[in-house]
C-alpha atoms as a PDB file:
ATOM      1  CA  MET A   1      35.326  -7.863  -3.606  1.00  0.00           C
ATOM      2  CA  LYS A   2      34.983 -11.590  -4.124  1.00  0.00           C
ATOM      3  CA  VAL A   3      31.452 -12.735  -3.319  1.00  0.00           C
ATOM      4  CA  ILE A   4      29.642 -15.979  -2.544  1.00  0.00           C
ATOM      5  CA  PHE A   5      25.985 -15.533  -3.474  1.00  0.00           C
ATOM      6  CA  PHE A   6      23.276 -17.379  -1.538  1.00  0.00           C
ATOM      7  CA  GLY A   7      19.779 -17.388  -3.039  1.00  0.00           C
ATOM      8  CA  THR A   8      16.980 -19.568  -4.341  1.00  0.00           C
ATOM      9  CA  PRO A   9      13.757 -18.031  -5.821  1.00  0.00           C
ATOM     10  CA  GLU A  10      13.026 -15.458  -8.506  1.00  0.00           C
ATOM     11  CA  PHE A  11      13.238 -12.642  -5.984  1.00  0.00           C
ATOM     12  CA  ALA A  12      17.017 -13.203  -5.853  1.00  0.00           C
ATOM     13  CA  LEU A  13      17.569 -12.997  -9.628  1.00  0.00           C
ATOM     14  CA  PRO A  14      17.951  -9.204 -10.040  1.00  0.00           C
ATOM     15  CA  THR A  15      20.695  -9.125  -7.407  1.00  0.00           C
ATOM     16  CA  LEU A  16      22.572 -12.074  -8.897  1.00  0.00           C
ATOM     17  CA  ARG A  17      22.320 -10.556 -12.370  1.00  0.00           C
ATOM     18  CA  ARG A  18      23.533  -7.153 -11.176  1.00  0.00           C
ATOM     19  CA  LEU A  19      26.367  -8.649  -9.124  1.00  0.00           C
ATOM     20  CA  ALA A  20      27.595 -10.721 -12.055  1.00  0.00           C
ATOM     21  CA  ALA A  21      27.761  -7.597 -14.216  1.00  0.00           C
ATOM     22  CA  SER A  22      29.508  -5.482 -11.567  1.00  0.00           C
ATOM     23  CA  ARG A  23      33.170  -4.982 -10.725  1.00  0.00           C
ATOM     24  CA  HIS A  24      32.727  -7.444  -7.858  1.00  0.00           C
ATOM     25  CA  GLU A  25      33.434 -11.106  -8.604  1.00  0.00           C
ATOM     26  CA  VAL A  26      30.926 -13.858  -7.870  1.00  0.00           C
ATOM     27  CA  VAL A  27      33.159 -16.839  -7.124  1.00  0.00           C
ATOM     28  CA  LEU A  28      30.417 -19.270  -6.052  1.00  0.00           C
ATOM     29  CA  VAL A  29      26.620 -19.522  -6.018  1.00  0.00           C
ATOM     30  CA  VAL A  30      24.925 -21.487  -3.235  1.00  0.00           C
ATOM     31  CA  SER A  31      21.289 -22.498  -3.617  1.00  0.00           C
ATOM     32  CA  ARG A  32      18.782 -25.032  -2.301  1.00  0.00           C
ATOM     33  CA  PRO A  33      18.572 -28.552  -3.789  1.00  0.00           C
ATOM     34  CA  ASP A  34      16.314 -29.280  -6.761  1.00  0.00           C
ATOM     35  CA  ARG A  35      12.761 -30.183  -5.770  1.00  0.00           C
ATOM     36  CA  PRO A  36       9.691 -31.809  -7.354  1.00  0.00           C
ATOM     37  CA  VAL A  37       7.363 -29.270  -8.979  1.00  0.00           C
ATOM     38  CA  GLY A  38       3.878 -29.488 -10.475  1.00  0.00           C
ATOM     39  CA  ARG A  39       1.296 -32.206 -10.844  1.00  0.00           C
ATOM     40  CA  HIS A  40       3.843 -34.658 -12.202  1.00  0.00           C
ATOM     41  CA  GLN A  41       6.450 -33.754  -9.544  1.00  0.00           C
ATOM     42  CA  VAL A  42       9.214 -33.085 -12.040  1.00  0.00           C
ATOM     43  CA  LEU A  43      12.559 -32.481 -10.322  1.00  0.00           C
ATOM     44  CA  THR A  44      13.305 -28.806 -11.032  1.00  0.00           C
ATOM     45  CA  ALA A  45      16.290 -26.561 -10.304  1.00  0.00           C
ATOM     46  CA  PRO A  46      15.652 -23.299  -8.406  1.00  0.00           C
ATOM     47  CA  PRO A  47      15.570 -20.117 -10.529  1.00  0.00           C
ATOM     48  CA  VAL A  48      18.921 -18.980  -9.073  1.00  0.00           C
ATOM     49  CA  VAL A  49      20.598 -22.208 -10.190  1.00  0.00           C
ATOM     50  CA  GLU A  50      19.264 -21.846 -13.720  1.00  0.00           C
ATOM     51  CA  MET A  51      20.516 -18.259 -13.961  1.00  0.00           C
ATOM     52  CA  ALA A  52      23.911 -19.090 -12.439  1.00  0.00           C
ATOM     53  CA  ARG A  53      24.430 -21.773 -15.051  1.00  0.00           C
ATOM     54  CA  LYS A  54      23.515 -19.361 -17.843  1.00  0.00           C
ATOM     55  CA  LEU A  55      26.048 -16.890 -16.428  1.00  0.00           C
ATOM     56  CA  GLY A  56      28.709 -19.572 -16.240  1.00  0.00           C
ATOM     57  CA  LEU A  57      29.050 -19.360 -12.471  1.00  0.00           C
ATOM     58  CA  PRO A  58      29.990 -22.345 -10.279  1.00  0.00           C
ATOM     59  CA  VAL A  59      27.033 -23.657  -8.254  1.00  0.00           C
ATOM     60  CA  VAL A  60      26.598 -25.894  -5.214  1.00  0.00           C
ATOM     61  CA  GLN A  61      23.256 -27.059  -3.780  1.00  0.00           C
ATOM     62  CA  PRO A  62      23.951 -28.528  -0.342  1.00  0.00           C
ATOM     63  CA  GLY A  63      21.240 -30.048   1.781  1.00  0.00           C
ATOM     64  CA  SER A  64      22.932 -28.502   4.813  1.00  0.00           C
ATOM     65  CA  LEU A  65      25.511 -25.778   5.364  1.00  0.00           C
ATOM     66  CA  LYS A  66      26.696 -27.460   8.554  1.00  0.00           C
ATOM     67  CA  LYS A  67      28.572 -30.324   6.884  1.00  0.00           C
ATOM     68  CA  PRO A  68      32.392 -30.089   7.055  1.00  0.00           C
ATOM     69  CA  ASP A  69      32.825 -30.621   3.305  1.00  0.00           C
ATOM     70  CA  VAL A  70      30.400 -27.783   2.550  1.00  0.00           C
ATOM     71  CA  LEU A  71      32.173 -25.435   4.968  1.00  0.00           C
ATOM     72  CA  GLU A  72      35.464 -26.338   3.339  1.00  0.00           C
ATOM     73  CA  ARG A  73      34.020 -25.573  -0.108  1.00  0.00           C
ATOM     74  CA  LEU A  74      33.020 -22.118   1.139  1.00  0.00           C
ATOM     75  CA  ARG A  75      36.530 -21.512   2.496  1.00  0.00           C
ATOM     76  CA  GLU A  76      38.181 -22.710  -0.705  1.00  0.00           C
ATOM     77  CA  ALA A  77      36.209 -20.183  -2.768  1.00  0.00           C
ATOM     78  CA  GLY A  78      38.423 -17.436  -1.321  1.00  0.00           C
ATOM     79  CA  ALA A  79      35.571 -14.951  -0.993  1.00  0.00           C
ATOM     80  CA  ASP A  80      35.593 -11.771   1.071  1.00  0.00           C
ATOM     81  CA  VAL A  81      31.871 -11.601   1.747  1.00  0.00           C
ATOM     82  CA  GLY A  82      28.621 -13.489   1.341  1.00  0.00           C
ATOM     83  CA  VAL A  83      25.490 -11.947  -0.165  1.00  0.00           C
ATOM     84  CA  VAL A  84      22.244 -13.600   0.931  1.00  0.00           C
ATOM     85  CA  VAL A  85      18.966 -12.960  -0.895  1.00  0.00           C
ATOM     86  CA  ALA A  86      16.022 -15.232  -0.050  1.00  0.00           C
ATOM     87  CA  TYR A  87      18.197 -18.299   0.417  1.00  0.00           C
ATOM     88  CA  GLY A  88      15.425 -19.970   2.406  1.00  0.00           C
ATOM     89  CA  LYS A  89      17.357 -21.231   5.422  1.00  0.00           C
ATOM     90  CA  LEU A  90      19.277 -19.634   8.259  1.00  0.00           C
ATOM     91  CA  ILE A  91      23.045 -19.510   7.809  1.00  0.00           C
ATOM     92  CA  PRO A  92      24.402 -21.634  10.699  1.00  0.00           C
ATOM     93  CA  PRO A  93      27.019 -20.241  13.124  1.00  0.00           C
ATOM     94  CA  ALA A  94      29.804 -22.400  11.676  1.00  0.00           C
ATOM     95  CA  ALA A  95      29.229 -20.917   8.218  1.00  0.00           C
ATOM     96  CA  LEU A  96      28.953 -17.365   9.562  1.00  0.00           C
ATOM     97  CA  GLU A  97      32.576 -17.605  10.663  1.00  0.00           C
ATOM     98  CA  VAL A  98      33.934 -18.653   7.269  1.00  0.00           C
ATOM     99  CA  LEU A  99      34.005 -15.324   5.415  1.00  0.00           C
ATOM    100  CA  PRO A 100      36.174 -12.448   6.682  1.00  0.00           C
ATOM    101  CA  ARG A 101      33.638  -9.663   6.016  1.00  0.00           C
ATOM    102  CA  GLY A 102      30.601 -11.714   7.018  1.00  0.00           C
ATOM    103  CA  TYR A 103      27.303 -11.944   5.168  1.00  0.00           C
ATOM    104  CA  VAL A 104      25.253  -9.095   3.702  1.00  0.00           C
ATOM    105  CA  ASN A 105      21.567 -10.010   3.696  1.00  0.00           C
ATOM    106  CA  LEU A 106      18.901  -8.264   1.604  1.00  0.00           C
ATOM    107  CA  HIS A 107      15.558  -8.161   3.410  1.00  0.00           C
ATOM    108  CA  PRO A 108      12.391  -6.773   1.734  1.00  0.00           C
ATOM    109  CA  SER A 109      11.086  -4.663   4.597  1.00  0.00           C
ATOM    110  CA  LEU A 110      12.141  -1.709   6.716  1.00  0.00           C
ATOM    111  CA  LEU A 111      13.658  -3.646   9.590  1.00  0.00           C
ATOM    112  CA  PRO A 112      12.927  -4.155  12.403  1.00  0.00           C
ATOM    113  CA  ARG A 113       9.343  -4.231  11.064  1.00  0.00           C
ATOM    114  CA  HIS A 114       8.379  -7.530   9.443  1.00  0.00           C
ATOM    115  CA  ARG A 115      11.303  -9.714  10.327  1.00  0.00           C
ATOM    116  CA  GLY A 116      10.831 -13.310   9.253  1.00  0.00           C
ATOM    117  CA  PRO A 117      10.054 -15.248   6.071  1.00  0.00           C
ATOM    118  CA  SER A 118       7.090 -13.356   4.517  1.00  0.00           C
ATOM    119  CA  PRO A 119       7.686  -9.608   4.926  1.00  0.00           C
ATOM    120  CA  VAL A 120       6.206  -8.515   1.597  1.00  0.00           C
ATOM    121  CA  GLN A 121       2.924 -10.304   2.221  1.00  0.00           C
ATOM    122  CA  TRP A 122       2.537  -9.102   5.788  1.00  0.00           C
ATOM    123  CA  ALA A 123       3.298  -5.490   4.906  1.00  0.00           C
ATOM    124  CA  LEU A 124       0.259  -5.643   2.636  1.00  0.00           C
ATOM    125  CA  ALA A 125      -1.889  -7.675   5.030  1.00  0.00           C
ATOM    126  CA  SER A 126      -1.082  -5.174   7.801  1.00  0.00           C
ATOM    127  CA  GLY A 127      -2.212  -2.261   5.670  1.00  0.00           C
ATOM    128  CA  ASP A 128       1.207  -0.588   5.602  1.00  0.00           C
ATOM    129  CA  ARG A 129       1.432   2.391   3.269  1.00  0.00           C
ATOM    130  CA  VAL A 130       5.232   2.421   3.107  1.00  0.00           C
ATOM    131  CA  THR A 131       7.753  -0.391   2.932  1.00  0.00           C
ATOM    132  CA  GLY A 132      11.251  -0.810   1.543  1.00  0.00           C
ATOM    133  CA  VAL A 133      14.419  -2.871   1.538  1.00  0.00           C
ATOM    134  CA  THR A 134      17.186  -3.269   4.099  1.00  0.00           C
ATOM    135  CA  THR A 135      20.712  -4.596   3.862  1.00  0.00           C
ATOM    136  CA  MET A 136      22.066  -5.977   7.103  1.00  0.00           C
ATOM    137  CA  LEU A 137      24.901  -8.107   8.439  1.00  0.00           C
ATOM    138  CA  LEU A 138      23.733 -11.569   9.415  1.00  0.00           C
ATOM    139  CA  ASP A 139      24.017 -12.751  12.974  1.00  0.00           C
ATOM    140  CA  GLU A 140      22.607 -15.898  14.597  1.00  0.00           C
ATOM    141  CA  GLY A 141      19.118 -14.408  15.021  1.00  0.00           C
ATOM    142  CA  MET A 142      16.178 -14.120  12.642  1.00  0.00           C
ATOM    143  CA  ASP A 143      16.801 -10.839  10.792  1.00  0.00           C
ATOM    144  CA  THR A 144      18.249  -9.218  13.919  1.00  0.00           C
ATOM    145  CA  GLY A 145      21.712  -8.226  12.692  1.00  0.00           C
ATOM    146  CA  PRO A 146      23.159  -4.701  12.327  1.00  0.00           C
ATOM    147  CA  ILE A 147      21.581  -2.543   9.618  1.00  0.00           C
ATOM    148  CA  LEU A 148      23.760  -1.308   6.750  1.00  0.00           C
ATOM    149  CA  LEU A 149      21.480   0.634   4.376  1.00  0.00           C
ATOM    150  CA  GLN A 150      17.739   1.103   3.838  1.00  0.00           C
ATOM    151  CA  ARG A 151      15.499   2.483   1.077  1.00  0.00           C
ATOM    152  CA  ARG A 152      11.828   3.415   1.552  1.00  0.00           C
ATOM    153  CA  VAL A 153       9.101   3.190  -1.102  1.00  0.00           C
ATOM    154  CA  PRO A 154       5.351   3.813  -0.977  1.00  0.00           C
ATOM    155  CA  ILE A 155       3.047   0.851  -1.491  1.00  0.00           C
ATOM    156  CA  GLU A 156       0.882   1.519  -4.527  1.00  0.00           C
ATOM    157  CA  PRO A 157      -2.935   1.294  -4.247  1.00  0.00           C
ATOM    158  CA  GLY A 158      -4.120  -2.180  -5.232  1.00  0.00           C
ATOM    159  CA  GLU A 159      -0.573  -3.552  -5.474  1.00  0.00           C
ATOM    160  CA  THR A 160      -0.332  -7.317  -4.873  1.00  0.00           C
ATOM    161  CA  ALA A 161       2.462  -9.236  -3.179  1.00  0.00           C
ATOM    162  CA  GLU A 162       3.664 -10.462  -6.561  1.00  0.00           C
ATOM    163  CA  GLU A 163       3.868  -6.926  -7.946  1.00  0.00           C
ATOM    164  CA  LEU A 164       5.394  -5.398  -4.834  1.00  0.00           C
ATOM    165  CA  GLY A 165       7.894  -8.240  -4.503  1.00  0.00           C
ATOM    166  CA  ALA A 166       9.128  -7.708  -8.063  1.00  0.00           C
ATOM    167  CA  ARG A 167       9.568  -3.986  -7.413  1.00  0.00           C
ATOM    168  CA  LEU A 168      11.464  -4.569  -4.161  1.00  0.00           C
ATOM    169  CA  ALA A 169      13.698  -7.174  -5.810  1.00  0.00           C
ATOM    170  CA  GLU A 170      14.926  -4.581  -8.323  1.00  0.00           C
ATOM    171  CA  LEU A 171      15.341  -1.877  -5.688  1.00  0.00           C
ATOM    172  CA  GLY A 172      17.143  -4.335  -3.433  1.00  0.00           C
ATOM    173  CA  SER A 173      19.601  -5.325  -6.148  1.00  0.00           C
ATOM    174  CA  GLU A 174      20.705  -1.693  -6.420  1.00  0.00           C
ATOM    175  CA  LEU A 175      21.013  -1.422  -2.643  1.00  0.00           C
ATOM    176  CA  VAL A 176      23.194  -4.542  -2.403  1.00  0.00           C
ATOM    177  CA  LEU A 177      25.712  -3.106  -4.863  1.00  0.00           C
ATOM    178  CA  GLU A 178      25.714   0.219  -3.024  1.00  0.00           C
ATOM    179  CA  THR A 179      26.245  -1.643   0.241  1.00  0.00           C
ATOM    180  CA  LEU A 180      29.199  -3.669  -1.053  1.00  0.00           C
ATOM    181  CA  ASP A 181      30.843  -0.557  -2.472  1.00  0.00           C
ATOM    182  CA  GLY A 182      30.314   1.260   0.838  1.00  0.00           C
ATOM    183  CA  LEU A 183      31.699  -1.584   2.915  1.00  0.00           C
ATOM    184  CA  GLU A 184      34.767  -1.707   0.710  1.00  0.00           C
ATOM    185  CA  ASP A 185      35.545   2.021   0.921  1.00  0.00           C
ATOM    186  CA  GLY A 186      34.428   2.405   4.544  1.00  0.00           C
ATOM    187  CA  SER A 187      31.493   4.751   3.864  1.00  0.00           C
ATOM    188  CA  VAL A 188      28.907   2.213   5.095  1.00  0.00           C
ATOM    189  CA  VAL A 189      29.100   1.421   8.807  1.00  0.00           C
ATOM    190  CA  PRO A 190      26.863  -1.159  10.534  1.00  0.00           C
ATOM    191  CA  ARG A 191      24.474   0.208  13.157  1.00  0.00           C
ATOM    192  CA  PRO A 192      22.623  -1.849  15.763  1.00  0.00           C
ATOM    193  CA  GLN A 193      19.087  -2.782  14.839  1.00  0.00           C
ATOM    194  CA  PRO A 194      16.517  -1.318  17.238  1.00  0.00           C
ATOM    195  CA  GLU A 195      14.056  -3.594  19.006  1.00  0.00           C
ATOM    196  CA  GLU A 196      11.419  -0.884  19.205  1.00  0.00           C
ATOM    197  CA  GLY A 197       8.778  -1.468  16.542  1.00  0.00           C
ATOM    198  CA  ALA A 198       9.978  -4.995  15.772  1.00  0.00           C
ATOM    199  CA  THR A 199       7.447  -7.458  14.343  1.00  0.00           C
ATOM    200  CA  VAL A 200       7.845 -10.987  12.980  1.00  0.00           C
ATOM    201  CA  SER A 201       6.025 -12.125   9.839  1.00  0.00           C
ATOM    202  CA  PRO A 202       4.886 -15.769  10.024  1.00  0.00           C
ATOM    203  CA  MET A 203       5.489 -18.279   7.267  1.00  0.00           C
ATOM    204  CA  LEU A 204       2.587 -18.333   4.817  1.00  0.00           C
ATOM    205  CA  ARG A 205       0.226 -21.285   5.188  1.00  0.00           C
ATOM    206  CA  ARG A 206      -2.601 -22.495   2.975  1.00  0.00           C
ATOM    207  CA  SER A 207      -5.001 -22.064   5.886  1.00  0.00           C
ATOM    208  CA  PHE A 208      -4.482 -18.279   5.789  1.00  0.00           C
ATOM    209  CA  GLY A 209      -6.541 -18.259   2.581  1.00  0.00           C
ATOM    210  CA  LYS A 210      -9.849 -19.126   4.268  1.00  0.00           C
ATOM    211  CA  ILE A 211     -11.916 -15.961   4.616  1.00  0.00           C
ATOM    212  CA  ASP A 212     -13.021 -14.982   8.096  1.00  0.00           C
ATOM    213  CA  TRP A 213     -16.022 -12.767   7.399  1.00  0.00           C
ATOM    214  CA  GLU A 214     -15.741 -11.331  10.928  1.00  0.00           C
ATOM    215  CA  MET A 215     -12.757  -9.328   9.648  1.00  0.00           C
ATOM    216  CA  SER A 216     -13.356  -5.821   8.376  1.00  0.00           C
ATOM    217  CA  ALA A 217     -13.777  -5.217   4.654  1.00  0.00           C
ATOM    218  CA  ARG A 218     -10.533  -3.233   4.501  1.00  0.00           C
ATOM    219  CA  ARG A 219      -8.634  -6.067   6.156  1.00  0.00           C
ATOM    220  CA  LEU A 220     -10.026  -8.658   3.734  1.00  0.00           C
ATOM    221  CA  VAL A 221      -9.104  -6.543   0.716  1.00  0.00           C
ATOM    222  CA  ASN A 222      -5.578  -6.178   2.097  1.00  0.00           C
ATOM    223  CA  ARG A 223      -5.328  -9.930   2.647  1.00  0.00           C
ATOM    224  CA  LEU A 224      -6.328 -10.654  -0.933  1.00  0.00           C
ATOM    225  CA  ARG A 225      -3.557  -8.354  -2.141  1.00  0.00           C
ATOM    226  CA  ALA A 226      -1.116  -9.978   0.285  1.00  0.00           C
ATOM    227  CA  PHE A 227      -2.018 -13.550  -0.610  1.00  0.00           C
ATOM    228  CA  THR A 228      -1.935 -13.120  -4.394  1.00  0.00           C
ATOM    229  CA  PRO A 229      -0.775 -15.362  -5.993  1.00  0.00           C
ATOM    230  CA  TRP A 230      -0.570 -17.751  -3.012  1.00  0.00           C
ATOM    231  CA  PRO A 231      -2.431 -18.951  -1.029  1.00  0.00           C
ATOM    232  CA  GLY A 232      -5.231 -16.744  -2.374  1.00  0.00           C
ATOM    233  CA  LEU A 233      -8.566 -16.303  -0.609  1.00  0.00           C
ATOM    234  CA  TYR A 234     -11.468 -18.730  -0.584  1.00  0.00           C
ATOM    235  CA  THR A 235     -14.847 -19.221   1.062  1.00  0.00           C
ATOM    236  CA  LYS A 236     -17.492 -21.945   1.246  1.00  0.00           C
ATOM    237  CA  PHE A 237     -20.761 -21.582  -0.651  1.00  0.00           C
ATOM    238  CA  ARG A 238     -23.528 -24.149  -1.106  1.00  0.00           C
ATOM    239  CA  GLY A 239     -21.273 -26.963  -0.028  1.00  0.00           C
ATOM    240  CA  GLY A 240     -18.398 -26.110  -2.388  1.00  0.00           C
ATOM    241  CA  ARG A 241     -15.360 -23.866  -2.401  1.00  0.00           C
ATOM    242  CA  LEU A 242     -15.210 -20.492  -4.115  1.00  0.00           C
ATOM    243  CA  LYS A 243     -11.863 -18.870  -4.772  1.00  0.00           C
ATOM    244  CA  ILE A 244     -12.055 -15.073  -4.633  1.00  0.00           C
ATOM    245  CA  HIS A 245      -9.955 -13.126  -7.161  1.00  0.00           C
ATOM    246  CA  GLY A 246     -11.463  -9.654  -6.887  1.00  0.00           C
ATOM    247  CA  LEU A 247     -12.634  -7.716  -3.817  1.00  0.00           C
ATOM    248  CA  GLU A 248     -13.558  -4.081  -3.280  1.00  0.00           C
ATOM    249  CA  GLU A 249     -14.507  -2.327  -0.071  1.00  0.00           C
ATOM    250  CA  VAL A 250     -17.995  -0.834  -0.287  1.00  0.00           C
ATOM    251  CA  ARG A 251     -17.981   2.728   1.044  1.00  0.00           C
ATOM    252  CA  PRO A 252     -20.197   3.721   2.604  1.00  0.00           C
ATOM    253  CA  ALA A 253     -21.304   0.284   3.704  1.00  0.00           C
ATOM    254  CA  PRO A 254     -25.022  -0.455   3.336  1.00  0.00           C
ATOM    255  CA  PRO A 255     -26.797  -0.056   6.689  1.00  0.00           C
ATOM    256  CA  GLY A 256     -27.960  -3.189   8.484  1.00  0.00           C
ATOM    257  CA  THR A 257     -27.190  -5.705  11.202  1.00  0.00           C
ATOM    258  CA  GLU A 258     -26.759  -8.881   9.151  1.00  0.00           C
ATOM    259  CA  GLU A 259     -24.312 -11.558  10.306  1.00  0.00           C
ATOM    260  CA  PRO A 260     -20.873 -11.366   8.666  1.00  0.00           C
ATOM    261  CA  GLY A 261     -20.807 -13.488   5.521  1.00  0.00           C
ATOM    262  CA  THR A 262     -24.406 -12.637   4.603  1.00  0.00           C
ATOM    263  CA  ILE A 263     -25.028 -11.694   0.963  1.00  0.00           C
ATOM    264  CA  LEU A 264     -26.700  -8.285   0.859  1.00  0.00           C
ATOM    265  CA  HIS A 265     -27.374  -8.183  -2.871  1.00  0.00           C
ATOM    266  CA  ALA A 266     -26.000  -9.492  -6.152  1.00  0.00           C
ATOM    267  CA  ASP A 267     -26.128  -7.829  -9.553  1.00  0.00           C
ATOM    268  CA  ALA A 268     -23.954  -7.150 -12.583  1.00  0.00           C
ATOM    269  CA  GLY A 269     -21.642  -5.026 -10.425  1.00  0.00           C
ATOM    270  CA  GLY A 270     -20.792  -7.880  -8.099  1.00  0.00           C
ATOM    271  CA  ILE A 271     -21.856  -9.694  -4.950  1.00  0.00           C
ATOM    272  CA  VAL A 272     -22.010  -7.480  -1.863  1.00  0.00           C
ATOM    273  CA  VAL A 273     -21.283  -9.258   1.423  1.00  0.00           C
ATOM    274  CA  ARG A 274     -21.499  -8.081   5.028  1.00  0.00           C
ATOM    275  CA  CYS A 275     -18.177  -8.129   6.907  1.00  0.00           C
ATOM    276  CA  GLY A 276     -17.100  -7.406  10.465  1.00  0.00           C
ATOM    277  CA  GLY A 277     -17.907  -4.114  12.160  1.00  0.00           C
ATOM    278  CA  GLY A 278     -20.800  -3.411   9.812  1.00  0.00           C
ATOM    279  CA  SER A 279     -18.483  -3.043   6.794  1.00  0.00           C
ATOM    280  CA  ALA A 280     -19.083  -4.660   3.400  1.00  0.00           C
ATOM    281  CA  VAL A 281     -17.149  -5.905   0.372  1.00  0.00           C
ATOM    282  CA  ARG A 282     -18.094  -6.415  -3.242  1.00  0.00           C
ATOM    283  CA  ILE A 283     -16.857  -9.624  -4.892  1.00  0.00           C
ATOM    284  CA  THR A 284     -16.014  -8.781  -8.495  1.00  0.00           C
ATOM    285  CA  GLU A 285     -14.231 -11.939  -9.668  1.00  0.00           C
ATOM    286  CA  LEU A 286     -14.415 -15.515  -8.409  1.00  0.00           C
ATOM    287  CA  GLN A 287     -13.946 -19.146  -9.331  1.00  0.00           C
ATOM    288  CA  ARG A 288     -15.771 -22.370  -8.573  1.00  0.00           C
ATOM    289  CA  GLU A 289     -13.411 -25.184  -7.586  1.00  0.00           C
ATOM    290  CA  GLY A 290     -12.217 -26.982 -10.716  1.00  0.00           C
ATOM    291  CA  ARG A 291     -13.588 -24.319 -13.071  1.00  0.00           C
ATOM    292  CA  ARG A 292     -12.246 -21.184 -14.718  1.00  0.00           C
ATOM    293  CA  ARG A 293     -12.203 -17.814 -12.990  1.00  0.00           C
ATOM    294  CA  MET A 294     -14.847 -15.348 -14.121  1.00  0.00           C
ATOM    295  CA  PRO A 295     -16.276 -11.920 -13.383  1.00  0.00           C
ATOM    296  CA  ALA A 296     -19.157 -11.853 -10.938  1.00  0.00           C
ATOM    297  CA  ASP A 297     -21.770 -11.017 -13.590  1.00  0.00           C
ATOM    298  CA  ALA A 298     -20.854 -14.152 -15.572  1.00  0.00           C
ATOM    299  CA  PHE A 299     -20.942 -16.222 -12.387  1.00  0.00           C
ATOM    300  CA  LEU A 300     -24.428 -14.943 -11.581  1.00  0.00           C
ATOM    301  CA  ILE A 301     -25.754 -16.106 -14.948  1.00  0.00           C
ATOM    302  CA  GLY A 302     -25.209 -19.714 -13.884  1.00  0.00           C
ATOM    303  CA  GLU A 303     -25.814 -19.265 -10.152  1.00  0.00           C
ATOM    304  CA  ARG A 304     -29.039 -17.738  -8.840  1.00  0.00           C
ATOM    305  CA  VAL A 305     -27.577 -15.966  -5.848  1.00  0.00           C
ATOM    306  CA  THR A 306     -30.109 -14.352  -3.522  1.00  0.00           C
ATOM    307  CA  ALA A 307     -29.870 -11.861  -0.691  1.00  0.00           C
ATOM    308  CA  GLY A 308     -29.758 -13.506   2.712  1.00  0.00           C
ATOM    309  CA  GLU A 309     -27.625 -16.483   1.668  1.00  0.00           C
ATOM    310  CA  ARG A 310     -24.404 -16.963   3.605  1.00  0.00           C
ATOM    311  CA  PHE A 311     -20.796 -17.577   2.730  1.00  0.00           C
ATOM    312  CA  GLY A 312     -19.043 -19.879   5.188  1.00  0.00           C
END
């Protein structure tokens, strides 16, 4: 089939690469406009655009898919189907009507769980033990369209969002090709997506990184995995900000009734802190604002941390 590919970040690269090497033909790549990146705000093309150019594929980067000239460009491509992988914006109704076989979307969760923009992170933050990838036909809702195929995978112990996302991107690229082949030969049939068990993952915000010590130790460890590399976790200490890079749940938790955020003890093994419900975590790696990250034992050489102090 002839395909228009919609995608923007690195997560979309395995699917674009696999599609370009398949018997299907990518006739157009649609991505988001270039944007300023880094301290010097250098205008930078999205990863999908860079790869499309290397593959010699035609690329457009419209600010909106609603404009008549953009819709006409999609029609002129002569594609059968669209493939959408982390494009970053909803496909508007006018564009949904352009392609005869519609749009196949790759979503990195087992829909209907974790609809929305951050499914990988919220699977980890929610403590899920299993996740996966879903291909679906787009409709006008947020990840509500009919399901085509799904693949389940266990979440590995200690796996971060960055690591899990990379694994799901590869698995998803295989599923997209299987889906296109099945749609073409009639072996894949859309089925309505159930509403039972549906959840919506919110867009990540920097504010999610501030540690709430009232949360349980297990929940904080899961959030660190979910928010690595961004927005990370941080706490206040002695008037400054500490970024936390390593957390372990302490089991069994030391007995006591200290307020959450209270330091229980600090030694070469780390800094043990009381959390919600009587639980406790051990901080094993951290970073003062504006300084390099370091293991807790190195941090304690320069900082005389004492039991009873509080993180805020």
